[in-house]
Amino acid sequence: MCSRMHVCLVCCSYGWAFLAVATNPAMDNMQQAVAAGYVEAQLTQHRIYQFAINTGLLTPFPADEIKFMEANEAYLDVQTAAEAKSDYWEQVKLMSAQVLAFGSSLATLRGADCLCTAEHRSGTGVQ
């Protein structure tokens, strides 16, 4: 599905790593969003882990924060279904699909420094 990718995960002269994914325009928007999320997670998982370690993201999330995020996801699902003809809600739906594919892709990774190993996931809210 992805037709082109450019990855510069070494912090460049301006101090940031970046990733650009070009998808195949022959595919529908949802397929492109899912593919972009999946590829992004596969290619950036090491940087994500570094960020999580450096910011304390691997500490357990409070139950009220998890409950808020679950309620927010449920709200987005309801709104995108109810507003199917809205360009705005279509973009929200695509972004949500990309984020879900990103998480699913991370879940396929294994290794000592992967966020998705069981020891890192249990009780942290990071999935």
N, C-alpha and C. Protein backbone atom coordinates (compact mmCIF):
# COMPACT_ATOMS: atom_id res chain seq x y z
N MET A 1 0.80 -1.20 0.00
CA MET A 1 0.00 0.00 0.00
C MET A 1 0.85 1.26 0.00
N CYS A 2 1.96 1.23 0.71
CA CYS A 2 2.82 2.41 0.72
C CYS A 2 3.68 2.41 -0.53
N SER A 3 3.70 3.52 -1.21
CA SER A 3 4.47 3.57 -2.43
C SER A 3 5.85 4.15 -2.21
N ARG A 4 6.02 4.94 -1.16
CA ARG A 4 7.29 5.60 -0.95
C ARG A 4 7.44 5.97 0.51
N MET A 5 8.66 5.84 1.04
CA MET A 5 8.93 6.27 2.39
C MET A 5 10.27 6.97 2.43
N HIS A 6 10.36 7.99 3.25
CA HIS A 6 11.64 8.63 3.51
C HIS A 6 11.79 8.66 5.02
N VAL A 7 12.88 8.13 5.50
CA VAL A 7 13.10 8.07 6.94
C VAL A 7 14.44 8.69 7.27
N CYS A 8 14.43 9.60 8.18
CA CYS A 8 15.67 10.15 8.72
C CYS A 8 15.52 10.08 10.24
N LEU A 9 15.90 8.97 10.82
CA LEU A 9 15.72 8.79 12.26
C LEU A 9 16.95 9.23 13.05
N VAL A 10 17.98 9.64 12.35
CA VAL A 10 19.12 10.26 13.02
C VAL A 10 18.76 11.72 13.15
N CYS A 11 18.93 12.26 14.32
CA CYS A 11 18.58 13.67 14.50
C CYS A 11 19.44 14.51 13.56
N CYS A 12 18.79 15.18 12.69
CA CYS A 12 19.47 15.95 11.65
C CYS A 12 19.99 17.27 12.21
N SER A 13 20.53 18.09 11.34
CA SER A 13 21.17 19.34 11.76
C SER A 13 20.22 20.26 12.52
N TYR A 14 18.92 20.13 12.30
CA TYR A 14 17.97 20.96 13.03
C TYR A 14 17.46 20.29 14.31
N GLY A 15 18.00 19.12 14.65
CA GLY A 15 17.72 18.51 15.94
C GLY A 15 16.52 17.59 16.04
N TRP A 16 15.87 17.29 14.93
CA TRP A 16 14.69 16.44 14.98
C TRP A 16 14.84 15.29 13.99
N ALA A 17 14.35 14.13 14.38
CA ALA A 17 14.23 13.02 13.44
C ALA A 17 12.88 13.19 12.74
N PHE A 18 12.75 12.67 11.54
CA PHE A 18 11.47 12.79 10.86
C PHE A 18 11.19 11.57 10.00
N LEU A 19 9.94 11.42 9.67
CA LEU A 19 9.48 10.32 8.83
C LEU A 19 8.43 10.88 7.88
N ALA A 20 8.56 10.57 6.61
CA ALA A 20 7.55 10.95 5.62
C ALA A 20 7.12 9.67 4.90
N VAL A 21 5.84 9.41 4.89
CA VAL A 21 5.30 8.23 4.22
C VAL A 21 4.38 8.70 3.10
N ALA A 22 4.64 8.25 1.89
CA ALA A 22 3.76 8.56 0.76
C ALA A 22 2.99 7.28 0.46
N THR A 23 1.69 7.36 0.49
CA THR A 23 0.86 6.18 0.23
C THR A 23 0.42 6.14 -1.22
N ASN A 24 -0.14 5.03 -1.60
CA ASN A 24 -0.60 4.82 -2.96
C ASN A 24 -1.97 5.47 -3.15
N PRO A 25 -2.06 6.51 -3.97
CA PRO A 25 -3.34 7.20 -4.15
C PRO A 25 -4.43 6.34 -4.80
N ALA A 26 -4.06 5.20 -5.33
CA ALA A 26 -5.07 4.31 -5.90
C ALA A 26 -5.88 3.60 -4.81
N MET A 27 -5.35 3.59 -3.58
CA MET A 27 -6.04 2.97 -2.45
C MET A 27 -6.99 3.99 -1.83
N ASP A 28 -8.04 3.52 -1.15
CA ASP A 28 -8.95 4.48 -0.53
C ASP A 28 -8.28 5.10 0.71
N ASN A 29 -8.86 6.20 1.18
CA ASN A 29 -8.26 6.95 2.29
C ASN A 29 -8.05 6.10 3.54
N MET A 30 -9.01 5.24 3.85
CA MET A 30 -8.89 4.42 5.06
C MET A 30 -7.70 3.47 4.95
N GLN A 31 -7.53 2.83 3.79
CA GLN A 31 -6.40 1.93 3.61
C GLN A 31 -5.08 2.69 3.71
N GLN A 32 -5.04 3.90 3.18
CA GLN A 32 -3.83 4.71 3.26
C GLN A 32 -3.52 5.10 4.70
N ALA A 33 -4.55 5.47 5.47
CA ALA A 33 -4.34 5.86 6.87
C ALA A 33 -3.83 4.69 7.69
N VAL A 34 -4.44 3.53 7.51
CA VAL A 34 -4.02 2.34 8.26
C VAL A 34 -2.59 1.96 7.88
N ALA A 35 -2.28 1.97 6.59
CA ALA A 35 -0.93 1.63 6.14
C ALA A 35 0.10 2.60 6.71
N ALA A 36 -0.20 3.88 6.69
CA ALA A 36 0.73 4.88 7.21
C ALA A 36 0.97 4.69 8.70
N GLY A 37 -0.08 4.41 9.46
CA GLY A 37 0.08 4.17 10.90
C GLY A 37 0.91 2.94 11.18
N TYR A 38 0.66 1.87 10.45
CA TYR A 38 1.40 0.62 10.64
C TYR A 38 2.88 0.81 10.32
N VAL A 39 3.16 1.43 9.19
CA VAL A 39 4.55 1.63 8.78
C VAL A 39 5.27 2.58 9.74
N GLU A 40 4.59 3.63 10.17
CA GLU A 40 5.20 4.58 11.09
C GLU A 40 5.65 3.89 12.37
N ALA A 41 4.82 3.05 12.93
CA ALA A 41 5.19 2.35 14.17
C ALA A 41 6.36 1.41 13.95
N GLN A 42 6.35 0.69 12.83
CA GLN A 42 7.44 -0.24 12.55
C GLN A 42 8.77 0.49 12.45
N LEU A 43 8.76 1.64 11.81
CA LEU A 43 10.01 2.35 11.55
C LEU A 43 10.49 3.23 12.69
N THR A 44 9.58 3.61 13.58
CA THR A 44 9.98 4.55 14.64
C THR A 44 9.92 3.97 16.04
N GLN A 45 9.70 2.68 16.18
CA GLN A 45 9.49 2.11 17.51
C GLN A 45 10.66 2.37 18.46
N HIS A 46 11.89 2.39 17.96
CA HIS A 46 13.03 2.63 18.85
C HIS A 46 12.99 4.07 19.38
N ARG A 47 12.66 5.03 18.53
CA ARG A 47 12.56 6.43 18.99
C ARG A 47 11.39 6.59 19.96
N ILE A 48 10.31 5.88 19.72
CA ILE A 48 9.16 5.94 20.64
C ILE A 48 9.58 5.44 22.01
N TYR A 49 10.32 4.34 22.03
CA TYR A 49 10.80 3.79 23.29
C TYR A 49 11.70 4.80 24.01
N GLN A 50 12.62 5.41 23.27
CA GLN A 50 13.51 6.40 23.87
C GLN A 50 12.70 7.55 24.49
N PHE A 51 11.70 8.03 23.76
CA PHE A 51 10.85 9.10 24.27
C PHE A 51 10.14 8.67 25.55
N ALA A 52 9.60 7.45 25.54
CA ALA A 52 8.88 6.94 26.70
C ALA A 52 9.79 6.86 27.93
N ILE A 53 10.98 6.39 27.74
CA ILE A 53 11.94 6.30 28.85
C ILE A 53 12.31 7.69 29.35
N ASN A 54 12.59 8.61 28.43
CA ASN A 54 13.03 9.95 28.81
C ASN A 54 11.95 10.79 29.46
N THR A 55 10.70 10.49 29.21
CA THR A 55 9.61 11.30 29.75
C THR A 55 8.84 10.62 30.87
N GLY A 56 9.24 9.40 31.24
CA GLY A 56 8.54 8.70 32.31
C GLY A 56 7.21 8.12 31.88
N LEU A 57 7.01 7.95 30.59
CA LEU A 57 5.74 7.47 30.06
C LEU A 57 5.43 6.03 30.47
N LEU A 58 6.44 5.30 30.91
CA LEU A 58 6.22 3.91 31.27
C LEU A 58 5.70 3.74 32.69
N THR A 59 5.47 4.83 33.39
CA THR A 59 4.87 4.74 34.71
C THR A 59 3.37 4.52 34.54
N PRO A 60 2.73 3.87 35.49
CA PRO A 60 1.29 3.58 35.35
C PRO A 60 0.46 4.87 35.22
N PHE A 61 -0.53 4.82 34.33
CA PHE A 61 -1.46 5.93 34.17
C PHE A 61 -2.54 5.79 35.24
N PRO A 62 -2.99 6.91 35.80
CA PRO A 62 -4.09 6.86 36.76
C PRO A 62 -5.36 6.34 36.08
N ALA A 63 -6.17 5.63 36.83
CA ALA A 63 -7.41 5.03 36.30
C ALA A 63 -8.33 6.08 35.69
N ASP A 64 -8.38 7.28 36.27
CA ASP A 64 -9.27 8.31 35.71
C ASP A 64 -8.80 8.78 34.34
N GLU A 65 -7.49 8.78 34.10
CA GLU A 65 -6.98 9.15 32.78
C GLU A 65 -7.31 8.07 31.74
N ILE A 66 -7.18 6.82 32.13
CA ILE A 66 -7.53 5.72 31.23
C ILE A 66 -9.02 5.76 30.91
N LYS A 67 -9.84 6.00 31.92
CA LYS A 67 -11.29 6.09 31.72
C LYS A 67 -11.64 7.25 30.78
N PHE A 68 -10.96 8.39 30.94
CA PHE A 68 -11.19 9.54 30.06
C PHE A 68 -10.86 9.19 28.62
N MET A 69 -9.72 8.55 28.39
CA MET A 69 -9.31 8.21 27.02
C MET A 69 -10.29 7.21 26.39
N GLU A 70 -10.73 6.24 27.17
CA GLU A 70 -11.72 5.27 26.65
C GLU A 70 -13.02 5.96 26.29
N ALA A 71 -13.46 6.89 27.13
CA ALA A 71 -14.70 7.64 26.85
C ALA A 71 -14.52 8.51 25.61
N ASN A 72 -13.33 9.11 25.46
CA ASN A 72 -13.06 9.94 24.30
C ASN A 72 -13.07 9.10 23.01
N GLU A 73 -12.47 7.93 23.04
CA GLU A 73 -12.48 7.04 21.87
C GLU A 73 -13.91 6.63 21.51
N ALA A 74 -14.71 6.32 22.52
CA ALA A 74 -16.10 5.93 22.28
C ALA A 74 -16.88 7.11 21.67
N TYR A 75 -16.64 8.32 22.16
CA TYR A 75 -17.29 9.52 21.62
C TYR A 75 -16.92 9.72 20.15
N LEU A 76 -15.64 9.56 19.84
CA LEU A 76 -15.20 9.71 18.46
C LEU A 76 -15.85 8.68 17.55
N ASP A 77 -15.98 7.45 18.03
CA ASP A 77 -16.64 6.41 17.24
C ASP A 77 -18.09 6.78 16.94
N VAL A 78 -18.80 7.27 17.95
CA VAL A 78 -20.20 7.65 17.77
C VAL A 78 -20.31 8.84 16.81
N GLN A 79 -19.47 9.84 17.01
CA GLN A 79 -19.54 11.04 16.16
C GLN A 79 -19.19 10.74 14.71
N THR A 80 -18.15 9.94 14.49
CA THR A 80 -17.78 9.65 13.10
C THR A 80 -18.85 8.83 12.40
N ALA A 81 -19.54 7.97 13.13
CA ALA A 81 -20.64 7.19 12.54
C ALA A 81 -21.84 8.10 12.26
N ALA A 82 -22.13 9.01 13.17
CA ALA A 82 -23.30 9.89 13.02
C ALA A 82 -23.09 10.97 11.96
N GLU A 83 -21.86 11.36 11.75
CA GLU A 83 -21.54 12.44 10.81
C GLU A 83 -20.78 11.91 9.59
N ALA A 84 -21.25 10.83 9.03
CA ALA A 84 -20.54 10.13 7.96
C ALA A 84 -20.27 11.00 6.73
N LYS A 85 -21.09 12.02 6.50
CA LYS A 85 -20.92 12.87 5.31
C LYS A 85 -20.09 14.12 5.59
N SER A 86 -19.66 14.29 6.81
CA SER A 86 -18.88 15.46 7.19
C SER A 86 -17.40 15.26 6.85
N ASP A 87 -16.82 16.22 6.13
CA ASP A 87 -15.39 16.15 5.82
C ASP A 87 -14.55 16.16 7.10
N TYR A 88 -14.96 17.00 8.05
CA TYR A 88 -14.23 17.08 9.31
C TYR A 88 -14.19 15.73 10.02
N TRP A 89 -15.37 15.11 10.20
CA TRP A 89 -15.42 13.84 10.93
C TRP A 89 -14.79 12.71 10.13
N GLU A 90 -14.75 12.82 8.83
CA GLU A 90 -14.03 11.83 8.01
C GLU A 90 -12.53 11.89 8.32
N GLN A 91 -12.00 13.11 8.47
CA GLN A 91 -10.58 13.25 8.80
C GLN A 91 -10.30 12.73 10.21
N VAL A 92 -11.22 12.99 11.14
CA VAL A 92 -11.07 12.46 12.50
C VAL A 92 -11.06 10.93 12.47
N LYS A 93 -11.96 10.35 11.68
CA LYS A 93 -12.04 8.89 11.55
C LYS A 93 -10.74 8.32 10.97
N LEU A 94 -10.20 8.97 9.95
CA LEU A 94 -8.95 8.52 9.33
C LEU A 94 -7.79 8.62 10.31
N MET A 95 -7.72 9.71 11.05
CA MET A 95 -6.65 9.87 12.03
C MET A 95 -6.76 8.82 13.13
N SER A 96 -7.96 8.56 13.57
CA SER A 96 -8.19 7.53 14.58
C SER A 96 -7.75 6.16 14.07
N ALA A 97 -8.08 5.86 12.81
CA ALA A 97 -7.67 4.58 12.22
C ALA A 97 -6.15 4.48 12.13
N GLN A 98 -5.50 5.60 11.79
CA GLN A 98 -4.04 5.60 11.69
C GLN A 98 -3.42 5.35 13.06
N VAL A 99 -3.96 5.98 14.09
CA VAL A 99 -3.44 5.79 15.44
C VAL A 99 -3.67 4.35 15.91
N LEU A 100 -4.83 3.77 15.62
CA LEU A 100 -5.10 2.38 15.99
C LEU A 100 -4.16 1.43 15.26
N ALA A 101 -3.90 1.69 13.98
CA ALA A 101 -2.96 0.85 13.23
C ALA A 101 -1.55 0.99 13.78
N PHE A 102 -1.21 2.19 14.20
CA PHE A 102 0.09 2.45 14.82
C PHE A 102 0.24 1.57 16.07
N GLY A 103 -0.78 1.57 16.92
CA GLY A 103 -0.75 0.75 18.13
C GLY A 103 -0.72 -0.73 17.83
N SER A 104 -1.49 -1.16 16.84
CA SER A 104 -1.50 -2.56 16.46
C SER A 104 -0.14 -2.98 15.92
N SER A 105 0.49 -2.09 15.17
CA SER A 105 1.81 -2.39 14.61
C SER A 105 2.84 -2.51 15.73
N LEU A 106 2.78 -1.61 16.70
CA LEU A 106 3.73 -1.72 17.83
C LEU A 106 3.54 -3.03 18.57
N ALA A 107 2.30 -3.48 18.65
CA ALA A 107 2.02 -4.73 19.36
C ALA A 107 2.65 -5.94 18.68
N THR A 108 2.99 -5.81 17.40
CA THR A 108 3.62 -6.93 16.69
C THR A 108 5.12 -6.99 16.90
N LEU A 109 5.69 -5.93 17.43
CA LEU A 109 7.13 -5.88 17.62
C LEU A 109 7.54 -6.61 18.88
N ARG A 110 8.72 -7.14 18.85
CA ARG A 110 9.27 -7.83 20.02
C ARG A 110 10.70 -7.39 20.21
N GLY A 111 11.17 -7.46 21.42
CA GLY A 111 12.56 -7.12 21.67
C GLY A 111 12.70 -6.45 23.02
N ALA A 112 13.91 -6.41 23.49
CA ALA A 112 14.18 -5.89 24.83
C ALA A 112 13.81 -4.42 24.96
N ASP A 113 13.92 -3.65 23.88
CA ASP A 113 13.63 -2.23 23.99
C ASP A 113 12.34 -1.84 23.29
N CYS A 114 11.40 -2.75 23.21
CA CYS A 114 10.12 -2.45 22.58
C CYS A 114 9.08 -2.16 23.64
N LEU A 115 8.30 -1.12 23.42
CA LEU A 115 7.24 -0.76 24.36
C LEU A 115 6.19 -1.84 24.52
N CYS A 116 6.13 -2.75 23.57
CA CYS A 116 5.03 -3.69 23.55
C CYS A 116 5.36 -5.04 24.14
N THR A 117 6.47 -5.16 24.82
CA THR A 117 6.72 -6.41 25.52
C THR A 117 5.81 -6.45 26.73
N ALA A 118 5.45 -7.61 27.16
CA ALA A 118 4.49 -7.77 28.26
C ALA A 118 4.93 -7.03 29.52
N GLU A 119 6.22 -7.05 29.82
CA GLU A 119 6.68 -6.39 31.05
C GLU A 119 6.47 -4.88 30.99
N HIS A 120 6.56 -4.29 29.83
CA HIS A 120 6.33 -2.84 29.71
C HIS A 120 4.86 -2.51 29.68
N ARG A 121 4.05 -3.36 29.06
CA ARG A 121 2.62 -3.07 28.90
C ARG A 121 1.84 -3.22 30.20
N SER A 122 2.17 -4.21 30.98
CA SER A 122 1.32 -4.54 32.13
C SER A 122 1.22 -3.36 33.09
N GLY A 123 0.01 -2.88 33.24
CA GLY A 123 -0.28 -1.84 34.21
C GLY A 123 0.17 -0.44 33.83
N THR A 124 0.66 -0.22 32.64
CA THR A 124 1.17 1.10 32.30
C THR A 124 0.19 1.94 31.52
N GLY A 125 -0.74 1.31 30.84
CA GLY A 125 -1.62 2.05 29.96
C GLY A 125 -0.98 2.28 28.59
N VAL A 126 0.29 1.91 28.44
CA VAL A 126 0.97 2.03 27.14
C VAL A 126 0.72 0.75 26.38
N GLN A 127 0.07 0.84 25.22
CA GLN A 127 -0.24 -0.37 24.46
C GLN A 127 0.08 -0.20 23.02
